[in-house]
Structure formats: structure tokens, C-alpha cells
């Protein structure tokens, strides 16, 4: 199984089961995970901490969804906010959604329920060398 993932991930998902599952998988790989339950929390954490290597962002959440949260983050001035890799978590990938994800400035997407291997490959592309 894949291990040795040196990466700090922010998982943004309003579903607690999804967060627990992600935590289990990500920590098994040796990565560290932090969590937010909606886009507002995500924006707060990213702005305060600035220590994430990648964000896994659910597209549909209460209060503020992933698309809107990504737009808020990308609108900030510092290079960190423009360059931070943000991967959308979505249950379906219609072409309209793909356009929204790209337009918001998201770097990639992972379909839910996620395939651990696909997730590992996407995360490992962003890890610190």
C-alpha cells in the first residue's frame, strides 16, 4: 500500500463520515489532515494557517460551497492563495460542473465515493519534495 506521503491536506466536507474516512486513508499514507465542515471554515483556516499543501474541497456544502470558497481564496492577493492546489470532491461530473470547477480556479477533481489509489496519485503530485 502507498505510504510516505509528506503533505498537509485540508479536507473540506460537510459529511462527518466522509471526513472520518478521508482522515483514516490520508493518515495511513503518512500525511497530515485538517478539517473544515463548510466553505466559510475552509476560507478561515486557509487564511489563518497558510500551511496547507493541498485542499480537498467538497463542491456542495451548506453555508458556502466549494466553488464559492475557491473563488474567495483565489481572489486574495498573496501568491499562496493563487497557487494553493484545490481539488474538488464531487459525486457527479457533468460537463457543466467541470466548467464551474475550472472557472473557480480549482486544479483538479476527485469523484465521490473516492478511489484511494486515484486520490493518492492526485495528492502525491502536490507533496513537498
N, C-alpha and C. Protein backbone atom coordinates (compact mmCIF):
# COMPACT_ATOMS: atom_id res chain seq x y z
N UNK A 1 0.84 -1.21 0.00
CA UNK A 1 0.00 0.00 0.00
C UNK A 1 0.87 1.25 0.00
N UNK A 2 0.35 2.30 -0.55
CA UNK A 2 1.11 3.55 -0.65
C UNK A 2 1.34 4.15 0.74
N UNK A 3 2.56 4.60 0.97
CA UNK A 3 2.87 5.32 2.21
C UNK A 3 3.86 6.43 1.91
N UNK A 4 4.25 7.14 2.96
CA UNK A 4 5.27 8.17 2.81
C UNK A 4 4.81 9.40 2.08
N UNK A 5 3.55 9.75 2.27
CA UNK A 5 3.02 10.96 1.65
C UNK A 5 3.29 12.13 2.59
N UNK A 6 4.26 12.97 2.25
CA UNK A 6 4.63 14.11 3.10
C UNK A 6 3.85 15.31 2.62
N UNK A 7 2.68 15.47 3.19
CA UNK A 7 1.79 16.52 2.69
C UNK A 7 0.80 16.90 3.79
N UNK A 8 0.43 18.17 3.81
CA UNK A 8 -0.55 18.67 4.77
C UNK A 8 -1.83 19.02 4.00
N UNK A 9 -2.88 18.26 4.27
CA UNK A 9 -4.12 18.36 3.49
C UNK A 9 -5.23 18.97 4.33
N UNK A 10 -5.97 19.91 3.75
CA UNK A 10 -7.20 20.39 4.37
C UNK A 10 -8.36 19.71 3.65
N UNK A 11 -9.14 18.94 4.42
CA UNK A 11 -10.32 18.27 3.86
C UNK A 11 -11.55 19.08 4.23
N UNK A 12 -12.29 19.52 3.22
CA UNK A 12 -13.48 20.34 3.45
C UNK A 12 -14.69 19.54 2.98
N UNK A 13 -15.49 19.08 3.95
CA UNK A 13 -16.66 18.26 3.62
C UNK A 13 -17.66 18.38 4.77
N UNK A 14 -18.93 18.59 4.43
CA UNK A 14 -19.94 18.74 5.49
C UNK A 14 -20.37 17.40 6.06
N UNK A 15 -19.95 16.30 5.44
CA UNK A 15 -20.35 14.97 5.90
C UNK A 15 -19.27 14.39 6.81
N UNK A 16 -19.65 14.13 8.07
CA UNK A 16 -18.68 13.65 9.05
C UNK A 16 -18.09 12.30 8.67
N UNK A 17 -18.91 11.41 8.10
CA UNK A 17 -18.42 10.09 7.68
C UNK A 17 -17.33 10.26 6.62
N UNK A 18 -17.57 11.14 5.68
CA UNK A 18 -16.56 11.40 4.64
C UNK A 18 -15.26 11.91 5.25
N UNK A 19 -15.39 12.81 6.24
CA UNK A 19 -14.18 13.36 6.88
C UNK A 19 -13.42 12.25 7.61
N UNK A 20 -14.15 11.40 8.34
CA UNK A 20 -13.50 10.30 9.07
C UNK A 20 -12.80 9.34 8.11
N UNK A 21 -13.47 9.04 7.00
CA UNK A 21 -12.90 8.15 6.00
C UNK A 21 -11.63 8.75 5.40
N UNK A 22 -11.70 10.00 5.03
CA UNK A 22 -10.54 10.70 4.47
C UNK A 22 -9.38 10.70 5.48
N UNK A 23 -9.72 10.98 6.73
CA UNK A 23 -8.68 11.04 7.77
C UNK A 23 -7.97 9.70 7.89
N UNK A 24 -8.76 8.64 7.88
CA UNK A 24 -8.21 7.29 8.00
C UNK A 24 -7.25 6.99 6.85
N UNK A 25 -7.70 7.27 5.66
CA UNK A 25 -6.91 6.97 4.47
C UNK A 25 -5.67 7.86 4.40
N UNK A 26 -5.86 9.16 4.60
CA UNK A 26 -4.75 10.11 4.47
C UNK A 26 -3.68 9.87 5.53
N UNK A 27 -4.11 9.63 6.78
CA UNK A 27 -3.11 9.42 7.83
C UNK A 27 -2.38 8.09 7.67
N UNK A 28 -3.07 7.10 7.08
CA UNK A 28 -2.43 5.81 6.81
C UNK A 28 -1.25 6.00 5.84
N UNK A 29 -1.39 6.97 4.96
CA UNK A 29 -0.34 7.26 3.98
C UNK A 29 0.79 8.09 4.59
N UNK A 30 0.61 8.55 5.83
CA UNK A 30 1.64 9.35 6.48
C UNK A 30 1.46 10.85 6.32
N UNK A 31 0.38 11.25 5.71
CA UNK A 31 0.11 12.68 5.54
C UNK A 31 -0.64 13.21 6.76
N UNK A 32 -0.65 14.52 6.92
CA UNK A 32 -1.43 15.12 8.00
C UNK A 32 -2.68 15.75 7.40
N UNK A 33 -3.78 15.65 8.13
CA UNK A 33 -5.04 16.18 7.63
C UNK A 33 -5.65 17.13 8.66
N UNK A 34 -6.25 18.18 8.15
CA UNK A 34 -7.03 19.10 8.97
C UNK A 34 -8.40 19.15 8.30
N UNK A 35 -9.40 19.63 9.03
CA UNK A 35 -10.77 19.52 8.53
C UNK A 35 -11.56 20.80 8.68
N UNK A 36 -12.46 21.02 7.73
CA UNK A 36 -13.43 22.10 7.81
C UNK A 36 -14.76 21.52 7.34
N UNK A 37 -15.86 22.05 7.89
CA UNK A 37 -17.17 21.49 7.59
C UNK A 37 -17.90 22.24 6.48
N UNK A 38 -17.39 23.39 6.11
CA UNK A 38 -18.00 24.15 5.01
C UNK A 38 -16.99 25.14 4.45
N UNK A 39 -17.40 25.81 3.39
CA UNK A 39 -16.51 26.75 2.71
C UNK A 39 -16.05 27.90 3.58
N UNK A 40 -16.95 28.40 4.45
CA UNK A 40 -16.57 29.51 5.34
C UNK A 40 -15.42 29.11 6.26
N UNK A 41 -15.56 27.94 6.88
CA UNK A 41 -14.50 27.43 7.77
C UNK A 41 -13.21 27.24 6.98
N UNK A 42 -13.34 26.73 5.77
CA UNK A 42 -12.16 26.48 4.93
C UNK A 42 -11.41 27.78 4.65
N UNK A 43 -12.15 28.80 4.25
CA UNK A 43 -11.53 30.09 3.95
C UNK A 43 -10.82 30.63 5.19
N UNK A 44 -11.48 30.53 6.36
CA UNK A 44 -10.88 30.98 7.62
C UNK A 44 -9.58 30.25 7.91
N UNK A 45 -9.62 28.92 7.84
CA UNK A 45 -8.44 28.10 8.17
C UNK A 45 -7.30 28.37 7.20
N UNK A 46 -7.60 28.45 5.92
CA UNK A 46 -6.57 28.67 4.91
C UNK A 46 -5.94 30.05 5.11
N UNK A 47 -6.77 31.04 5.41
CA UNK A 47 -6.28 32.40 5.60
C UNK A 47 -5.41 32.50 6.86
N UNK A 48 -5.84 31.85 7.94
CA UNK A 48 -5.11 31.91 9.20
C UNK A 48 -3.83 31.08 9.17
N UNK A 49 -3.92 29.84 8.68
CA UNK A 49 -2.81 28.90 8.82
C UNK A 49 -1.77 28.98 7.70
N UNK A 50 -2.24 29.11 6.48
CA UNK A 50 -1.36 29.17 5.30
C UNK A 50 -0.31 28.06 5.27
N UNK A 51 -0.66 26.89 5.77
CA UNK A 51 0.33 25.82 5.84
C UNK A 51 -0.14 24.56 5.10
N UNK A 52 -1.19 24.69 4.31
CA UNK A 52 -1.70 23.52 3.60
C UNK A 52 -0.99 23.38 2.26
N UNK A 53 -0.71 22.12 1.88
CA UNK A 53 -0.11 21.85 0.58
C UNK A 53 -1.17 21.62 -0.48
N UNK A 54 -2.32 21.15 -0.03
CA UNK A 54 -3.42 20.88 -0.95
C UNK A 54 -4.74 20.90 -0.19
N UNK A 55 -5.81 21.28 -0.87
CA UNK A 55 -7.14 21.31 -0.26
C UNK A 55 -8.05 20.37 -1.05
N UNK A 56 -8.75 19.49 -0.32
CA UNK A 56 -9.80 18.66 -0.93
C UNK A 56 -11.12 19.33 -0.58
N UNK A 57 -11.80 19.86 -1.58
CA UNK A 57 -12.95 20.73 -1.35
C UNK A 57 -14.22 20.14 -1.93
N UNK A 58 -15.16 19.78 -1.04
CA UNK A 58 -16.47 19.32 -1.49
C UNK A 58 -17.15 20.46 -2.24
N UNK A 59 -17.82 20.13 -3.34
CA UNK A 59 -18.44 21.17 -4.15
C UNK A 59 -19.74 21.67 -3.50
N UNK A 60 -20.54 20.73 -2.97
CA UNK A 60 -21.84 21.12 -2.39
C UNK A 60 -21.82 21.03 -0.88
N UNK A 61 -21.92 22.19 -0.22
CA UNK A 61 -21.96 22.24 1.25
C UNK A 61 -22.89 23.37 1.67
N UNK A 62 -23.45 23.26 2.89
CA UNK A 62 -24.27 24.37 3.41
C UNK A 62 -23.39 25.57 3.75
N UNK A 63 -23.99 26.73 3.87
CA UNK A 63 -23.34 28.00 4.20
C UNK A 63 -22.48 28.53 3.06
N UNK A 64 -21.48 27.77 2.64
CA UNK A 64 -20.70 28.18 1.49
C UNK A 64 -20.14 26.93 0.82
N UNK A 65 -20.45 26.75 -0.45
CA UNK A 65 -19.99 25.58 -1.18
C UNK A 65 -18.55 25.73 -1.65
N UNK A 66 -18.03 24.67 -2.23
CA UNK A 66 -16.63 24.63 -2.64
C UNK A 66 -16.27 25.59 -3.76
N UNK A 67 -17.19 25.78 -4.69
CA UNK A 67 -16.94 26.69 -5.81
C UNK A 67 -16.76 28.11 -5.29
N UNK A 68 -17.71 28.53 -4.45
CA UNK A 68 -17.67 29.89 -3.89
C UNK A 68 -16.44 30.08 -3.01
N UNK A 69 -16.15 29.08 -2.17
CA UNK A 69 -14.98 29.17 -1.28
C UNK A 69 -13.70 29.30 -2.10
N UNK A 70 -13.60 28.55 -3.17
CA UNK A 70 -12.41 28.61 -4.03
C UNK A 70 -12.28 30.00 -4.66
N UNK A 71 -13.40 30.56 -5.09
CA UNK A 71 -13.37 31.91 -5.68
C UNK A 71 -12.88 32.94 -4.66
N UNK A 72 -13.33 32.80 -3.40
CA UNK A 72 -12.90 33.72 -2.34
C UNK A 72 -11.38 33.59 -2.11
N UNK A 73 -10.91 32.35 -2.06
CA UNK A 73 -9.48 32.10 -1.83
C UNK A 73 -8.65 32.64 -2.99
N UNK A 74 -9.06 32.35 -4.20
CA UNK A 74 -8.32 32.80 -5.39
C UNK A 74 -8.29 34.32 -5.53
N UNK A 75 -9.30 34.99 -4.95
CA UNK A 75 -9.38 36.44 -5.07
C UNK A 75 -8.39 37.16 -4.14
N UNK A 76 -7.81 36.45 -3.19
CA UNK A 76 -6.86 37.06 -2.27
C UNK A 76 -5.55 37.36 -3.00
N UNK A 77 -4.84 38.38 -2.49
CA UNK A 77 -3.69 38.90 -3.22
C UNK A 77 -2.43 38.05 -3.21
N UNK A 78 -2.10 37.48 -2.05
CA UNK A 78 -0.80 36.81 -1.94
C UNK A 78 -0.71 35.58 -2.85
N UNK A 79 0.49 35.29 -3.34
CA UNK A 79 0.71 34.15 -4.24
C UNK A 79 0.23 32.82 -3.65
N UNK A 80 0.35 32.65 -2.32
CA UNK A 80 -0.07 31.39 -1.69
C UNK A 80 -1.51 31.04 -2.07
N UNK A 81 -2.38 32.04 -2.02
CA UNK A 81 -3.81 31.79 -2.27
C UNK A 81 -4.09 31.51 -3.75
N UNK A 82 -3.26 32.06 -4.61
CA UNK A 82 -3.44 31.84 -6.05
C UNK A 82 -2.88 30.47 -6.47
N UNK A 83 -1.85 30.00 -5.75
CA UNK A 83 -1.14 28.79 -6.15
C UNK A 83 -1.57 27.54 -5.39
N UNK A 84 -2.25 27.72 -4.26
CA UNK A 84 -2.66 26.58 -3.43
C UNK A 84 -3.49 25.59 -4.26
N UNK A 85 -3.03 24.33 -4.37
CA UNK A 85 -3.81 23.36 -5.14
C UNK A 85 -5.14 23.04 -4.45
N UNK A 86 -6.23 23.18 -5.18
CA UNK A 86 -7.55 22.88 -4.65
C UNK A 86 -8.19 21.82 -5.55
N UNK A 87 -8.51 20.67 -4.94
CA UNK A 87 -9.10 19.56 -5.67
C UNK A 87 -10.56 19.43 -5.26
N UNK A 88 -11.45 19.47 -6.23
CA UNK A 88 -12.88 19.37 -5.96
C UNK A 88 -13.26 17.93 -5.63
N UNK A 89 -14.14 17.78 -4.65
CA UNK A 89 -14.75 16.48 -4.35
C UNK A 89 -16.18 16.56 -4.83
N UNK A 90 -16.54 15.69 -5.74
CA UNK A 90 -17.89 15.78 -6.29
C UNK A 90 -18.45 14.39 -6.59
N UNK A 91 -19.74 14.24 -6.42
CA UNK A 91 -20.39 12.94 -6.62
C UNK A 91 -20.67 12.68 -8.11
N UNK A 92 -20.76 13.74 -8.89
CA UNK A 92 -21.01 13.54 -10.32
C UNK A 92 -20.19 14.55 -11.09
N UNK A 93 -19.79 14.20 -12.29
CA UNK A 93 -19.00 15.14 -13.05
C UNK A 93 -19.68 15.38 -14.39
N UNK A 94 -20.60 16.31 -14.38
CA UNK A 94 -21.25 16.72 -15.61
C UNK A 94 -20.36 17.79 -16.24
N UNK A 95 -20.51 17.99 -17.51
CA UNK A 95 -19.65 18.96 -18.19
C UNK A 95 -19.85 20.37 -17.61
N UNK A 96 -21.08 20.68 -17.18
CA UNK A 96 -21.33 22.00 -16.60
C UNK A 96 -20.55 22.15 -15.28
N UNK A 97 -20.50 21.06 -14.50
CA UNK A 97 -19.75 21.11 -13.25
C UNK A 97 -18.27 21.28 -13.52
N UNK A 98 -17.78 20.58 -14.53
CA UNK A 98 -16.37 20.69 -14.88
C UNK A 98 -16.03 22.14 -15.22
N UNK A 99 -16.92 22.80 -15.94
CA UNK A 99 -16.71 24.20 -16.30
C UNK A 99 -16.68 25.08 -15.05
N UNK A 100 -17.61 24.82 -14.11
CA UNK A 100 -17.66 25.61 -12.87
C UNK A 100 -16.38 25.43 -12.06
N UNK A 101 -15.92 24.18 -11.98
CA UNK A 101 -14.72 23.85 -11.22
C UNK A 101 -13.51 24.56 -11.82
N UNK A 102 -13.39 24.49 -13.15
CA UNK A 102 -12.28 25.17 -13.84
C UNK A 102 -12.37 26.68 -13.66
N UNK A 103 -13.58 27.21 -13.84
CA UNK A 103 -13.79 28.66 -13.77
C UNK A 103 -13.47 29.20 -12.37
N UNK A 104 -13.75 28.40 -11.34
CA UNK A 104 -13.50 28.84 -9.97
C UNK A 104 -12.00 28.84 -9.65
N UNK A 105 -11.22 28.13 -10.44
CA UNK A 105 -9.79 28.08 -10.20
C UNK A 105 -9.36 26.82 -9.48
N UNK A 106 -10.21 25.80 -9.49
CA UNK A 106 -9.83 24.52 -8.90
C UNK A 106 -8.88 23.80 -9.84
N UNK A 107 -7.94 23.05 -9.27
CA UNK A 107 -6.89 22.42 -10.07
C UNK A 107 -7.28 21.05 -10.64
N UNK A 108 -8.19 20.38 -9.97
CA UNK A 108 -8.49 19.00 -10.35
C UNK A 108 -9.76 18.58 -9.62
N UNK A 109 -10.19 17.34 -9.83
CA UNK A 109 -11.35 16.84 -9.10
C UNK A 109 -11.18 15.36 -8.79
N UNK A 110 -11.87 14.93 -7.74
CA UNK A 110 -11.93 13.52 -7.37
C UNK A 110 -13.41 13.18 -7.22
N UNK A 111 -13.81 12.08 -7.83
CA UNK A 111 -15.22 11.67 -7.72
C UNK A 111 -15.45 10.96 -6.39
N UNK A 112 -16.61 11.22 -5.79
CA UNK A 112 -17.01 10.51 -4.57
C UNK A 112 -18.04 9.44 -4.96
N UNK A 113 -18.04 8.29 -4.32
CA UNK A 113 -17.06 7.86 -3.31
C UNK A 113 -15.68 7.71 -3.95
N UNK A 114 -14.65 8.17 -3.26
CA UNK A 114 -13.34 8.25 -3.89
C UNK A 114 -12.62 6.91 -3.95
N UNK A 115 -11.83 6.77 -4.99
CA UNK A 115 -10.97 5.61 -5.15
C UNK A 115 -9.62 5.97 -4.51
N UNK A 116 -9.23 5.26 -3.44
CA UNK A 116 -8.00 5.63 -2.72
C UNK A 116 -6.78 5.77 -3.62
N UNK A 117 -6.63 4.88 -4.59
CA UNK A 117 -5.46 4.96 -5.47
C UNK A 117 -5.45 6.25 -6.27
N UNK A 118 -6.60 6.62 -6.82
CA UNK A 118 -6.71 7.85 -7.60
C UNK A 118 -6.42 9.06 -6.71
N UNK A 119 -6.95 9.02 -5.49
CA UNK A 119 -6.71 10.12 -4.55
C UNK A 119 -5.22 10.21 -4.20
N UNK A 120 -4.61 9.08 -3.92
CA UNK A 120 -3.18 9.06 -3.60
C UNK A 120 -2.37 9.67 -4.73
N UNK A 121 -2.67 9.26 -5.96
CA UNK A 121 -1.93 9.77 -7.12
C UNK A 121 -2.08 11.29 -7.24
N UNK A 122 -3.29 11.77 -7.02
CA UNK A 122 -3.51 13.21 -7.14
C UNK A 122 -2.80 13.97 -6.03
N UNK A 123 -2.89 13.45 -4.80
CA UNK A 123 -2.22 14.12 -3.67
C UNK A 123 -0.71 14.08 -3.80
N UNK A 124 -0.18 12.95 -4.23
CA UNK A 124 1.28 12.81 -4.27
C UNK A 124 1.90 13.79 -5.29
N UNK A 125 1.13 14.21 -6.26
CA UNK A 125 1.62 15.18 -7.24
C UNK A 125 1.91 16.53 -6.58
N UNK A 126 1.30 16.79 -5.43
CA UNK A 126 1.44 18.10 -4.78
C UNK A 126 2.31 18.08 -3.54
N UNK A 127 2.93 16.93 -3.25
CA UNK A 127 3.66 16.89 -2.00
C UNK A 127 4.99 17.62 -2.09
N UNK A 128 5.47 18.05 -0.92
CA UNK A 128 6.75 18.74 -0.84
C UNK A 128 7.85 17.72 -1.07
N UNK A 129 8.81 18.08 -1.88
CA UNK A 129 9.91 17.15 -2.15
C UNK A 129 10.96 17.26 -1.05
